[in-house]
């Protein structure tokens, strides 16, 4: 009789111990699964998929501080490309200049007004002149704010009878502003000035 009771008691202890182990194991697995799910959700939130030409391209979200040099250089390049790319078409000139002026403060507006008052754009139109620009490099100093930049570029002025290449060096600073459709990088060029704008070479067109 006592032997049976001992066996029952031992069996009960074994069953209880086994049940506790199973419950703890299930709890551990559940906690681990929740942790991995939370980690996966956080990882997925850092991914952005962009649809381009029917293909899904993966992009990664990151702190803006990691991209400041890249975005700042592209902002400066975009501004110079818009401001200095001219065709003998009044509407095209106004469209480019309008887009460029969203990216800079009134120093750029004053330069545009001076060029317009001096008949520069009228000369481009009447002389059937095309002007393009190639930005060779943009140096950004992100050690202090606002960020100072210097832009090195080559202008190409195509006239009916000649092609002139000019060296262009400008500098200024970049201030953070809100991003918008007109200013996707969220920078504003300030105190923009031209340090150099000289002829490099000229050739006659055949």
N, C-alpha and C. Protein backbone atom coordinates (compact mmCIF):
# COMPACT_ATOMS: atom_id res chain seq x y z
N UNK A 1 0.84 -1.22 0.00
CA UNK A 1 0.00 0.00 0.00
C UNK A 1 0.86 1.26 0.00
N UNK A 2 1.85 1.26 0.92
CA UNK A 2 2.73 2.43 1.00
C UNK A 2 3.62 2.56 -0.24
N UNK A 3 3.98 1.40 -0.76
CA UNK A 3 4.81 1.41 -1.99
C UNK A 3 4.04 2.04 -3.14
N UNK A 4 2.74 1.70 -3.23
CA UNK A 4 1.91 2.29 -4.29
C UNK A 4 1.79 3.80 -4.12
N UNK A 5 1.61 4.21 -2.85
CA UNK A 5 1.49 5.66 -2.60
C UNK A 5 2.78 6.39 -2.96
N UNK A 6 3.91 5.73 -2.61
CA UNK A 6 5.19 6.34 -2.96
C UNK A 6 5.35 6.46 -4.48
N UNK A 7 4.93 5.41 -5.18
CA UNK A 7 5.02 5.44 -6.64
C UNK A 7 4.14 6.54 -7.23
N UNK A 8 2.93 6.67 -6.65
CA UNK A 8 2.02 7.72 -7.13
C UNK A 8 2.60 9.09 -6.84
N UNK A 9 3.17 9.25 -5.63
CA UNK A 9 3.75 10.54 -5.26
C UNK A 9 4.94 10.88 -6.16
N UNK A 10 5.77 9.87 -6.43
CA UNK A 10 6.92 10.10 -7.32
C UNK A 10 6.47 10.46 -8.73
N UNK A 11 5.45 9.70 -9.19
CA UNK A 11 4.93 9.99 -10.53
C UNK A 11 4.36 11.39 -10.61
N UNK A 12 3.66 11.78 -9.53
CA UNK A 12 3.09 13.13 -9.51
C UNK A 12 4.19 14.19 -9.56
N UNK A 13 5.28 13.96 -8.79
CA UNK A 13 6.39 14.92 -8.80
C UNK A 13 7.04 15.00 -10.18
N UNK A 14 7.17 13.81 -10.80
CA UNK A 14 7.75 13.80 -12.16
C UNK A 14 6.87 14.56 -13.15
N UNK A 15 5.57 14.29 -13.05
CA UNK A 15 4.63 14.98 -13.95
C UNK A 15 4.66 16.48 -13.71
N UNK A 16 4.67 16.87 -12.41
CA UNK A 16 4.71 18.30 -12.09
C UNK A 16 6.01 18.95 -12.59
N UNK A 17 7.12 18.27 -12.38
CA UNK A 17 8.40 18.80 -12.86
C UNK A 17 8.41 18.91 -14.37
N UNK A 18 7.89 17.86 -15.02
CA UNK A 18 7.84 17.88 -16.49
C UNK A 18 6.94 19.02 -16.99
N UNK A 19 5.80 19.21 -16.30
CA UNK A 19 4.87 20.28 -16.69
C UNK A 19 5.53 21.65 -16.54
N UNK A 20 6.26 21.81 -15.41
CA UNK A 20 6.95 23.09 -15.19
C UNK A 20 7.98 23.34 -16.28
N UNK A 21 8.74 22.29 -16.64
CA UNK A 21 9.75 22.43 -17.71
C UNK A 21 9.09 22.79 -19.03
N UNK A 22 7.96 22.13 -19.34
CA UNK A 22 7.25 22.41 -20.59
C UNK A 22 6.74 23.85 -20.61
N UNK A 23 6.15 24.29 -19.48
CA UNK A 23 5.62 25.66 -19.40
C UNK A 23 6.74 26.68 -19.55
N UNK A 24 7.86 26.45 -18.83
CA UNK A 24 9.00 27.37 -18.94
C UNK A 24 9.57 27.39 -20.35
N UNK A 25 9.63 26.21 -20.97
CA UNK A 25 10.14 26.15 -22.35
C UNK A 25 9.23 26.91 -23.30
N UNK A 26 7.91 26.70 -23.15
CA UNK A 26 6.96 27.40 -24.01
C UNK A 26 7.05 28.91 -23.80
N UNK A 27 7.18 29.31 -22.52
CA UNK A 27 7.30 30.74 -22.22
C UNK A 27 8.54 31.33 -22.84
N UNK A 28 9.67 30.58 -22.73
CA UNK A 28 10.93 31.06 -23.31
C UNK A 28 10.82 31.20 -24.82
N UNK A 29 10.22 30.18 -25.45
CA UNK A 29 10.04 30.23 -26.91
C UNK A 29 9.15 31.41 -27.30
N UNK A 30 8.09 31.65 -26.53
CA UNK A 30 7.17 32.75 -26.83
C UNK A 30 7.87 34.10 -26.69
N UNK A 31 8.65 34.25 -25.61
CA UNK A 31 9.38 35.51 -25.39
C UNK A 31 10.39 35.73 -26.51
N UNK A 32 11.11 34.66 -26.90
CA UNK A 32 12.09 34.77 -27.98
C UNK A 32 11.41 35.14 -29.30
N UNK A 33 10.25 34.50 -29.56
CA UNK A 33 9.51 34.79 -30.80
C UNK A 33 9.04 36.25 -30.83
N UNK A 34 8.56 36.74 -29.67
CA UNK A 34 8.13 38.14 -29.60
C UNK A 34 9.30 39.09 -29.82
N UNK A 35 10.45 38.75 -29.22
CA UNK A 35 11.64 39.59 -29.38
C UNK A 35 12.08 39.64 -30.84
N UNK A 36 12.13 38.47 -31.48
CA UNK A 36 12.55 38.43 -32.89
C UNK A 36 11.55 39.15 -33.78
N UNK A 37 10.27 39.03 -33.46
CA UNK A 37 9.24 39.72 -34.25
C UNK A 37 9.41 41.24 -34.14
N UNK A 38 9.65 41.70 -32.91
CA UNK A 38 9.83 43.14 -32.69
C UNK A 38 11.08 43.64 -33.43
N UNK A 39 12.16 42.84 -33.36
CA UNK A 39 13.39 43.21 -34.06
C UNK A 39 13.17 43.27 -35.56
N UNK A 40 12.42 42.28 -36.09
CA UNK A 40 12.14 42.24 -37.52
C UNK A 40 11.30 43.42 -37.96
N UNK A 41 10.31 43.80 -37.14
CA UNK A 41 9.47 44.96 -37.46
C UNK A 41 10.31 46.23 -37.51
N UNK A 42 11.21 46.39 -36.53
CA UNK A 42 12.09 47.56 -36.53
C UNK A 42 12.97 47.58 -37.77
N UNK A 43 13.48 46.40 -38.15
CA UNK A 43 14.33 46.31 -39.33
C UNK A 43 13.56 46.65 -40.59
N UNK A 44 12.33 46.18 -40.69
CA UNK A 44 11.52 46.45 -41.88
C UNK A 44 11.13 47.92 -41.97
N UNK A 45 10.99 48.58 -40.81
CA UNK A 45 10.63 50.00 -40.82
C UNK A 45 11.76 50.85 -41.36
N UNK A 46 12.99 50.33 -41.33
CA UNK A 46 14.14 51.06 -41.85
C UNK A 46 14.33 50.85 -43.35
N UNK A 47 13.42 50.09 -43.96
CA UNK A 47 13.54 49.81 -45.39
C UNK A 47 12.42 50.48 -46.16
N UNK A 48 12.79 51.05 -47.29
CA UNK A 48 11.82 51.70 -48.16
C UNK A 48 11.97 51.08 -49.54
N UNK A 49 10.86 50.74 -50.14
CA UNK A 49 10.89 50.16 -51.48
C UNK A 49 10.38 51.18 -52.48
N UNK A 50 11.17 51.42 -53.50
CA UNK A 50 10.84 52.41 -54.52
C UNK A 50 10.56 51.67 -55.82
N UNK A 51 9.45 51.99 -56.45
CA UNK A 51 9.08 51.37 -57.72
C UNK A 51 9.61 52.25 -58.85
N UNK A 52 10.54 51.70 -59.61
CA UNK A 52 11.13 52.44 -60.73
C UNK A 52 11.20 51.55 -61.95
N UNK A 53 10.56 51.98 -63.01
CA UNK A 53 10.54 51.23 -64.27
C UNK A 53 10.07 49.79 -64.07
N UNK A 54 9.06 49.63 -63.23
CA UNK A 54 8.49 48.32 -63.00
C UNK A 54 9.29 47.42 -62.07
N UNK A 55 10.36 47.95 -61.48
CA UNK A 55 11.18 47.17 -60.57
C UNK A 55 11.13 47.76 -59.16
N UNK A 56 11.07 46.89 -58.16
CA UNK A 56 11.07 47.34 -56.77
C UNK A 56 12.51 47.43 -56.29
N UNK A 57 12.94 48.64 -55.96
CA UNK A 57 14.29 48.88 -55.48
C UNK A 57 14.24 49.18 -53.99
N UNK A 58 15.17 48.59 -53.26
CA UNK A 58 15.17 48.76 -51.80
C UNK A 58 16.06 49.94 -51.42
N UNK A 59 15.52 50.80 -50.58
CA UNK A 59 16.29 51.93 -50.05
C UNK A 59 16.29 51.80 -48.53
N UNK A 60 17.27 52.38 -47.91
CA UNK A 60 17.40 52.29 -46.46
C UNK A 60 17.29 53.66 -45.83
N UNK A 61 16.50 53.75 -44.76
CA UNK A 61 16.38 54.99 -44.01
C UNK A 61 17.59 55.14 -43.12
N UNK A 62 18.05 56.36 -42.95
CA UNK A 62 19.20 56.62 -42.09
C UNK A 62 19.11 58.01 -41.52
N UNK A 63 19.91 58.24 -40.51
CA UNK A 63 19.95 59.56 -39.89
C UNK A 63 20.48 60.57 -40.90
N UNK A 64 19.87 61.76 -40.93
CA UNK A 64 20.28 62.73 -41.93
C UNK A 64 21.74 63.13 -41.78
N UNK A 65 22.24 63.08 -40.55
CA UNK A 65 23.63 63.47 -40.33
C UNK A 65 24.59 62.61 -41.14
N UNK A 66 24.20 61.36 -41.41
CA UNK A 66 25.05 60.48 -42.20
C UNK A 66 25.11 60.91 -43.66
N UNK A 67 24.08 61.63 -44.13
CA UNK A 67 23.99 61.97 -45.55
C UNK A 67 24.24 63.45 -45.84
N UNK A 68 24.57 64.23 -44.82
CA UNK A 68 24.73 65.68 -45.03
C UNK A 68 25.72 66.00 -46.15
N UNK A 69 26.93 65.44 -46.16
CA UNK A 69 27.87 65.79 -47.24
C UNK A 69 27.33 65.47 -48.62
N UNK A 70 26.69 64.30 -48.76
CA UNK A 70 26.16 63.87 -50.07
C UNK A 70 25.03 64.79 -50.51
N UNK A 71 24.07 65.03 -49.61
CA UNK A 71 22.93 65.88 -49.95
C UNK A 71 23.36 67.32 -50.20
N UNK A 72 24.31 67.80 -49.41
CA UNK A 72 24.78 69.18 -49.58
C UNK A 72 25.46 69.37 -50.93
N UNK A 73 26.31 68.41 -51.31
CA UNK A 73 26.97 68.51 -52.62
C UNK A 73 25.95 68.48 -53.75
N UNK A 74 24.96 67.61 -53.65
CA UNK A 74 23.95 67.52 -54.70
C UNK A 74 23.10 68.79 -54.75
N UNK A 75 22.83 69.38 -53.59
CA UNK A 75 22.07 70.64 -53.55
C UNK A 75 22.83 71.74 -54.30
N UNK A 76 24.12 71.86 -54.01
CA UNK A 76 24.95 72.89 -54.66
C UNK A 76 25.04 72.63 -56.16
N UNK A 77 25.24 71.36 -56.55
CA UNK A 77 25.32 71.03 -57.98
C UNK A 77 24.01 71.36 -58.69
N UNK A 78 22.89 71.01 -58.05
CA UNK A 78 21.59 71.27 -58.67
C UNK A 78 21.36 72.75 -58.86
N UNK A 79 21.70 73.54 -57.84
CA UNK A 79 21.52 74.98 -57.94
C UNK A 79 22.34 75.56 -59.09
N UNK A 80 23.61 75.20 -59.17
CA UNK A 80 24.47 75.75 -60.22
C UNK A 80 24.01 75.29 -61.60
N UNK A 81 23.57 74.05 -61.70
CA UNK A 81 23.09 73.55 -62.98
C UNK A 81 21.87 74.34 -63.44
N UNK A 82 20.94 74.61 -62.53
CA UNK A 82 19.73 75.35 -62.89
C UNK A 82 20.05 76.82 -63.19
N UNK A 83 20.93 77.41 -62.40
CA UNK A 83 21.20 78.84 -62.55
C UNK A 83 22.01 79.16 -63.81
N UNK A 84 22.92 78.24 -64.17
CA UNK A 84 23.84 78.55 -65.27
C UNK A 84 23.53 77.82 -66.57
N UNK A 85 22.53 76.95 -66.58
CA UNK A 85 22.14 76.31 -67.84
C UNK A 85 21.12 77.20 -68.54
N UNK A 86 21.53 77.77 -69.65
CA UNK A 86 20.69 78.74 -70.36
C UNK A 86 20.52 78.35 -71.82
N UNK A 87 19.31 78.52 -72.31
CA UNK A 87 19.00 78.33 -73.73
C UNK A 87 18.39 79.62 -74.27
N UNK A 88 18.47 79.83 -75.58
CA UNK A 88 17.90 81.06 -76.15
C UNK A 88 16.37 81.03 -76.17
N UNK A 89 15.80 80.88 -74.99
CA UNK A 89 14.35 80.78 -74.86
C UNK A 89 13.98 81.43 -73.53
N UNK A 90 13.23 82.50 -73.59
CA UNK A 90 12.90 83.25 -72.38
C UNK A 90 12.15 82.40 -71.36
N UNK A 91 11.22 81.56 -71.83
CA UNK A 91 10.44 80.71 -70.92
C UNK A 91 11.34 79.70 -70.22
N UNK A 92 12.26 79.07 -70.97
CA UNK A 92 13.16 78.08 -70.39
C UNK A 92 14.09 78.72 -69.36
N UNK A 93 14.56 79.93 -69.65
CA UNK A 93 15.43 80.64 -68.70
C UNK A 93 14.68 80.93 -67.40
N UNK A 94 13.46 81.44 -67.53
CA UNK A 94 12.67 81.78 -66.34
C UNK A 94 12.37 80.54 -65.50
N UNK A 95 12.06 79.42 -66.16
CA UNK A 95 11.76 78.19 -65.43
C UNK A 95 12.98 77.71 -64.63
N UNK A 96 14.14 77.72 -65.27
CA UNK A 96 15.35 77.28 -64.59
C UNK A 96 15.71 78.20 -63.43
N UNK A 97 15.66 79.51 -63.69
CA UNK A 97 16.02 80.47 -62.64
C UNK A 97 15.04 80.40 -61.47
N UNK A 98 13.76 80.23 -61.77
CA UNK A 98 12.76 80.12 -60.69
C UNK A 98 13.05 78.92 -59.80
N UNK A 99 13.38 77.79 -60.42
CA UNK A 99 13.73 76.60 -59.64
C UNK A 99 14.99 76.83 -58.83
N UNK A 100 15.97 77.50 -59.43
CA UNK A 100 17.24 77.75 -58.73
C UNK A 100 17.04 78.66 -57.52
N UNK A 101 16.18 79.67 -57.65
CA UNK A 101 16.01 80.63 -56.57
C UNK A 101 15.32 80.04 -55.35
N UNK A 102 14.62 78.91 -55.51
CA UNK A 102 14.07 78.21 -54.34
C UNK A 102 15.18 77.62 -53.48
N UNK A 103 16.36 77.44 -54.06
CA UNK A 103 17.46 76.76 -53.37
C UNK A 103 18.45 77.72 -52.73
N UNK A 104 18.25 79.02 -52.89
CA UNK A 104 19.20 80.01 -52.38
C UNK A 104 18.48 81.22 -51.83
N UNK A 105 19.22 82.05 -51.09
CA UNK A 105 18.61 83.25 -50.50
C UNK A 105 18.67 84.41 -51.49
N UNK A 106 18.49 85.62 -50.98
CA UNK A 106 18.38 86.78 -51.87
C UNK A 106 19.70 87.16 -52.54
N UNK A 107 20.83 86.58 -52.11
CA UNK A 107 22.09 86.89 -52.81
C UNK A 107 22.03 86.39 -54.25
N UNK A 108 21.43 85.23 -54.47
CA UNK A 108 21.27 84.71 -55.83
C UNK A 108 20.27 85.54 -56.60
N UNK A 109 19.21 86.00 -55.93
CA UNK A 109 18.21 86.84 -56.60
C UNK A 109 18.83 88.17 -57.05
N UNK A 110 19.70 88.72 -56.22
CA UNK A 110 20.35 89.99 -56.60
C UNK A 110 21.25 89.80 -57.81
N UNK A 111 21.98 88.69 -57.85
CA UNK A 111 22.85 88.42 -59.01
C UNK A 111 22.01 88.25 -60.27
N UNK A 112 20.90 87.53 -60.14
CA UNK A 112 20.00 87.36 -61.29
C UNK A 112 19.45 88.71 -61.75
N UNK A 113 19.03 89.56 -60.82
CA UNK A 113 18.49 90.87 -61.18
C UNK A 113 19.54 91.73 -61.86
N UNK A 114 20.79 91.66 -61.38
CA UNK A 114 21.87 92.44 -61.99
C UNK A 114 22.13 91.98 -63.42
N UNK A 115 22.18 90.65 -63.63
CA UNK A 115 22.40 90.12 -64.97
C UNK A 115 21.26 90.50 -65.91
N UNK A 116 20.05 90.43 -65.38
CA UNK A 116 18.90 90.78 -66.21
C UNK A 116 18.90 92.26 -66.57
N UNK A 117 19.23 93.10 -65.58
CA UNK A 117 19.25 94.55 -65.83
C UNK A 117 20.34 94.91 -66.83
N UNK A 118 21.45 94.18 -66.81
CA UNK A 118 22.54 94.45 -67.74
C UNK A 118 22.33 93.82 -69.11
N UNK A 119 21.18 93.19 -69.31
CA UNK A 119 20.85 92.63 -70.62
C UNK A 119 21.50 91.31 -70.94
N UNK A 120 21.99 90.60 -69.91
CA UNK A 120 22.69 89.34 -70.17
C UNK A 120 21.75 88.31 -70.78
N UNK A 121 20.59 88.13 -70.20
CA UNK A 121 19.66 87.11 -70.70
C UNK A 121 19.07 87.50 -72.06
N UNK A 122 18.85 88.79 -72.25
CA UNK A 122 18.39 89.26 -73.56
C UNK A 122 19.43 88.97 -74.63
N UNK A 123 20.72 89.10 -74.25
CA UNK A 123 21.80 88.80 -75.19
C UNK A 123 21.87 87.32 -75.53
N UNK A 124 21.59 86.48 -74.54
CA UNK A 124 21.57 85.03 -74.77
C UNK A 124 20.49 84.67 -75.78
N UNK A 125 19.32 85.31 -75.62
CA UNK A 125 18.19 85.01 -76.52
C UNK A 125 18.44 85.55 -77.92
N UNK A 126 18.84 86.82 -77.99
CA UNK A 126 19.04 87.44 -79.31
C UNK A 126 20.24 86.86 -80.05
N UNK A 127 21.24 86.38 -79.30
CA UNK A 127 22.44 85.84 -79.94
C UNK A 127 22.39 84.34 -80.16
N UNK A 128 21.24 83.72 -79.87
CA UNK A 128 21.10 82.27 -80.02
C UNK A 128 22.24 81.52 -79.32
N UNK A 129 22.45 81.86 -78.06
CA UNK A 129 23.55 81.30 -77.27
C UNK A 129 23.03 80.21 -76.34
N UNK A 130 23.77 79.12 -76.29
CA UNK A 130 23.51 78.07 -75.31
C UNK A 130 24.62 78.09 -74.26
N UNK A 131 24.23 77.96 -73.03
CA UNK A 131 25.23 77.92 -71.95
C UNK A 131 24.98 76.69 -71.08
N UNK A 132 26.01 75.89 -70.90
CA UNK A 132 25.92 74.72 -70.03
C UNK A 132 27.00 74.81 -68.95
N UNK A 133 26.88 73.97 -67.95
CA UNK A 133 27.87 73.97 -66.87
C UNK A 133 28.15 72.53 -66.46
N UNK A 134 29.41 72.27 -66.14
CA UNK A 134 29.81 70.97 -65.61
C UNK A 134 30.48 71.21 -64.25
N UNK A 135 29.84 70.74 -63.21
CA UNK A 135 30.40 70.91 -61.87
C UNK A 135 31.45 69.82 -61.66
N UNK A 136 32.70 70.25 -61.49
CA UNK A 136 33.78 69.28 -61.30
C UNK A 136 33.84 68.76 -59.86
N UNK A 137 33.71 69.67 -58.90
CA UNK A 137 33.75 69.24 -57.50
C UNK A 137 33.09 70.28 -56.61
N UNK A 138 32.61 69.80 -55.47
CA UNK A 138 32.04 70.68 -54.45
C UNK A 138 32.64 70.28 -53.11
N UNK A 139 33.28 71.22 -52.47
CA UNK A 139 33.88 70.95 -51.16
C UNK A 139 32.96 71.49 -50.07
N UNK A 140 32.62 70.62 -49.13
CA UNK A 140 31.71 70.98 -48.04
C UNK A 140 32.44 70.83 -46.71
N UNK A 141 32.36 71.85 -45.87
CA UNK A 141 32.92 71.77 -44.53
C UNK A 141 31.77 71.58 -43.54
N UNK A 142 31.63 70.35 -43.05
CA UNK A 142 30.54 70.04 -42.12
C UNK A 142 30.98 70.11 -40.66
N UNK A 143 32.19 70.60 -40.42
CA UNK A 143 32.67 70.69 -39.04
C UNK A 143 31.99 71.82 -38.27
N UNK A 144 31.49 72.81 -38.98
CA UNK A 144 30.81 73.93 -38.32
C UNK A 144 29.55 74.27 -39.10
N UNK A 145 28.59 74.86 -38.40
CA UNK A 145 27.30 75.22 -39.01
C UNK A 145 27.13 76.73 -38.95
N UNK A 146 26.62 77.38 -40.02
CA UNK A 146 26.21 76.79 -41.31
C UNK A 146 27.39 76.22 -42.09
N UNK A 147 27.11 75.24 -42.94
CA UNK A 147 28.16 74.52 -43.65
C UNK A 147 28.70 75.37 -44.81
N UNK A 148 30.00 75.58 -44.82
CA UNK A 148 30.64 76.34 -45.89
C UNK A 148 30.91 75.43 -47.09
N UNK A 149 30.75 75.98 -48.28
CA UNK A 149 31.04 75.20 -49.48
C UNK A 149 31.82 76.04 -50.49
N UNK A 150 32.52 75.33 -51.35
CA UNK A 150 33.17 75.95 -52.50
C UNK A 150 32.95 75.05 -53.70
N UNK A 151 32.48 75.64 -54.79
CA UNK A 151 32.11 74.89 -55.99
C UNK A 151 33.06 75.23 -57.14
N UNK A 152 33.58 74.20 -57.79
CA UNK A 152 34.47 74.35 -58.95
C UNK A 152 33.76 73.79 -60.18
N UNK A 153 33.63 74.62 -61.20
CA UNK A 153 32.88 74.19 -62.38
C UNK A 153 33.47 74.79 -63.65
N UNK A 154 33.02 74.23 -64.77
CA UNK A 154 33.42 74.72 -66.10
C UNK A 154 32.16 75.11 -66.86
N UNK A 155 32.12 76.35 -67.31
CA UNK A 155 31.02 76.81 -68.15
C UNK A 155 31.39 76.63 -69.62
N UNK A 156 30.41 76.26 -70.41
CA UNK A 156 30.60 76.14 -71.85
C UNK A 156 29.57 77.02 -72.52
N UNK A 157 30.05 78.05 -73.21
CA UNK A 157 29.18 79.02 -73.86
C UNK A 157 29.27 78.80 -75.38
N UNK A 158 28.18 78.35 -75.96
CA UNK A 158 28.15 78.01 -77.37
C UNK A 158 27.44 79.12 -78.14
N UNK A 159 28.22 79.82 -78.96
CA UNK A 159 27.68 80.86 -79.83
C UNK A 159 27.63 80.33 -81.26
N UNK A 160 26.92 81.00 -82.14
CA UNK A 160 26.86 80.51 -83.54
C UNK A 160 28.22 80.37 -84.19
N UNK A 161 29.19 81.18 -83.76
CA UNK A 161 30.50 81.16 -84.42
C UNK A 161 31.64 80.65 -83.56
N UNK A 162 31.40 80.45 -82.25
CA UNK A 162 32.50 80.05 -81.38
C UNK A 162 31.99 79.30 -80.14
N UNK A 163 32.92 78.62 -79.49
CA UNK A 163 32.66 77.95 -78.22
C UNK A 163 33.68 78.42 -77.20
N UNK A 164 33.22 78.96 -76.10
CA UNK A 164 34.10 79.49 -75.06
C UNK A 164 33.92 78.66 -73.79
N UNK A 165 35.03 78.29 -73.19
CA UNK A 165 35.00 77.59 -71.91
C UNK A 165 35.55 78.50 -70.82
N UNK A 166 34.81 78.56 -69.71
CA UNK A 166 35.19 79.46 -68.62
C UNK A 166 35.30 78.68 -67.31
N UNK A 167 36.26 79.08 -66.51
CA UNK A 167 36.40 78.49 -65.18
C UNK A 167 35.53 79.28 -64.21
N UNK A 168 34.72 78.57 -63.44
CA UNK A 168 33.82 79.21 -62.49
C UNK A 168 34.07 78.63 -61.09
N UNK A 169 34.34 79.51 -60.14
CA UNK A 169 34.52 79.11 -58.75
C UNK A 169 33.62 79.99 -57.89
N UNK A 170 32.74 79.37 -57.13
CA UNK A 170 31.85 80.12 -56.24
C UNK A 170 31.94 79.54 -54.83
N UNK A 171 31.47 80.32 -53.88
CA UNK A 171 31.42 79.82 -52.51
C UNK A 171 30.21 80.41 -51.79
N UNK A 172 29.89 79.83 -50.66
CA UNK A 172 28.76 80.29 -49.87
C UNK A 172 28.59 79.37 -48.67
N UNK A 173 27.43 79.41 -48.06
CA UNK A 173 27.14 78.55 -46.92
C UNK A 173 25.77 77.93 -47.09
N UNK A 174 25.53 76.86 -46.36
CA UNK A 174 24.27 76.13 -46.43
C UNK A 174 23.60 76.13 -45.07
N UNK A 175 22.32 76.52 -45.07
CA UNK A 175 21.52 76.52 -43.84
C UNK A 175 20.40 75.50 -43.98
N UNK A 176 20.07 74.82 -42.91
CA UNK A 176 18.98 73.85 -42.93
C UNK A 176 17.63 74.54 -42.98
N UNK A 177 16.77 74.06 -43.86
CA UNK A 177 15.38 74.53 -43.93
C UNK A 177 14.49 73.31 -44.11
N UNK A 178 13.20 73.52 -44.09
CA UNK A 178 12.27 72.40 -44.28
C UNK A 178 12.33 71.88 -45.71
N UNK A 179 12.20 70.57 -45.84
CA UNK A 179 12.17 69.97 -47.17
C UNK A 179 10.82 70.26 -47.84
N UNK A 180 10.84 70.37 -49.14
CA UNK A 180 9.61 70.59 -49.90
C UNK A 180 9.83 70.08 -51.31
N UNK A 181 8.76 70.12 -52.12
CA UNK A 181 8.89 69.71 -53.52
C UNK A 181 9.88 70.60 -54.26
N UNK A 182 9.91 71.88 -53.89
CA UNK A 182 10.82 72.82 -54.54
C UNK A 182 12.23 72.77 -53.97
N UNK A 183 12.37 72.21 -52.77
CA UNK A 183 13.68 72.13 -52.12
C UNK A 183 13.80 70.77 -51.42
N UNK A 184 14.00 69.70 -52.18
CA UNK A 184 13.97 68.35 -51.60
C UNK A 184 15.10 68.04 -50.65
N UNK A 185 16.23 68.75 -50.75
CA UNK A 185 17.36 68.47 -49.86
C UNK A 185 17.24 69.18 -48.52
N UNK A 186 16.41 70.20 -48.44
CA UNK A 186 16.24 70.91 -47.18
C UNK A 186 17.42 71.79 -46.81
N UNK A 187 18.08 72.39 -47.81
CA UNK A 187 19.17 73.35 -47.58
C UNK A 187 18.84 74.66 -48.27
N UNK A 188 19.43 75.74 -47.78
CA UNK A 188 19.31 77.04 -48.44
C UNK A 188 20.70 77.64 -48.56
N UNK A 189 21.08 77.99 -49.79
CA UNK A 189 22.39 78.60 -50.03
C UNK A 189 22.33 80.06 -49.59
N UNK A 190 23.32 80.46 -48.78
CA UNK A 190 23.40 81.84 -48.30
C UNK A 190 24.75 82.44 -48.66
N UNK A 191 24.75 83.78 -48.74
CA UNK A 191 25.98 84.54 -48.99
C UNK A 191 26.76 83.97 -50.18
N UNK A 192 26.02 83.68 -51.25
CA UNK A 192 26.63 83.10 -52.45
C UNK A 192 27.40 84.17 -53.21
N UNK A 193 28.63 83.88 -53.55
CA UNK A 193 29.46 84.85 -54.26
C UNK A 193 30.37 84.12 -55.25
N UNK A 194 30.75 84.83 -56.31
CA UNK A 194 31.63 84.27 -57.34
C UNK A 194 33.06 84.70 -57.06
N UNK A 195 33.95 83.72 -56.94
CA UNK A 195 35.37 84.02 -56.70
C UNK A 195 36.15 84.12 -58.00
N UNK A 196 35.73 83.35 -59.01
CA UNK A 196 36.45 83.35 -60.28
C UNK A 196 35.49 83.03 -61.41
N UNK A 197 35.63 83.75 -62.51
CA UNK A 197 34.86 83.48 -63.72
C UNK A 197 35.66 84.00 -64.90
N UNK A 198 36.58 83.16 -65.36
CA UNK A 198 37.53 83.60 -66.39
C UNK A 198 37.54 82.62 -67.56
N UNK A 199 37.93 83.14 -68.74
CA UNK A 199 38.03 82.31 -69.94
C UNK A 199 39.19 81.34 -69.81
N UNK A 200 38.96 80.10 -70.22
CA UNK A 200 40.05 79.11 -70.29
C UNK A 200 40.54 78.98 -71.71
N UNK A 201 39.58 78.80 -72.63
CA UNK A 201 39.96 78.71 -74.04
C UNK A 201 38.75 79.05 -74.89
N UNK A 202 39.04 79.27 -76.15
CA UNK A 202 37.98 79.60 -77.12
C UNK A 202 38.34 78.94 -78.45
N UNK A 203 37.31 78.45 -79.13
CA UNK A 203 37.55 77.84 -80.44
C UNK A 203 36.45 78.25 -81.40
N UNK A 204 36.82 78.40 -82.65
CA UNK A 204 35.85 78.76 -83.68
C UNK A 204 35.06 77.53 -84.11
N UNK A 205 33.81 77.74 -84.38
CA UNK A 205 32.98 76.65 -84.87
C UNK A 205 33.08 76.57 -86.38
N UNK A 206 33.08 75.35 -86.88
CA UNK A 206 33.18 75.17 -88.33
C UNK A 206 31.79 75.00 -88.91
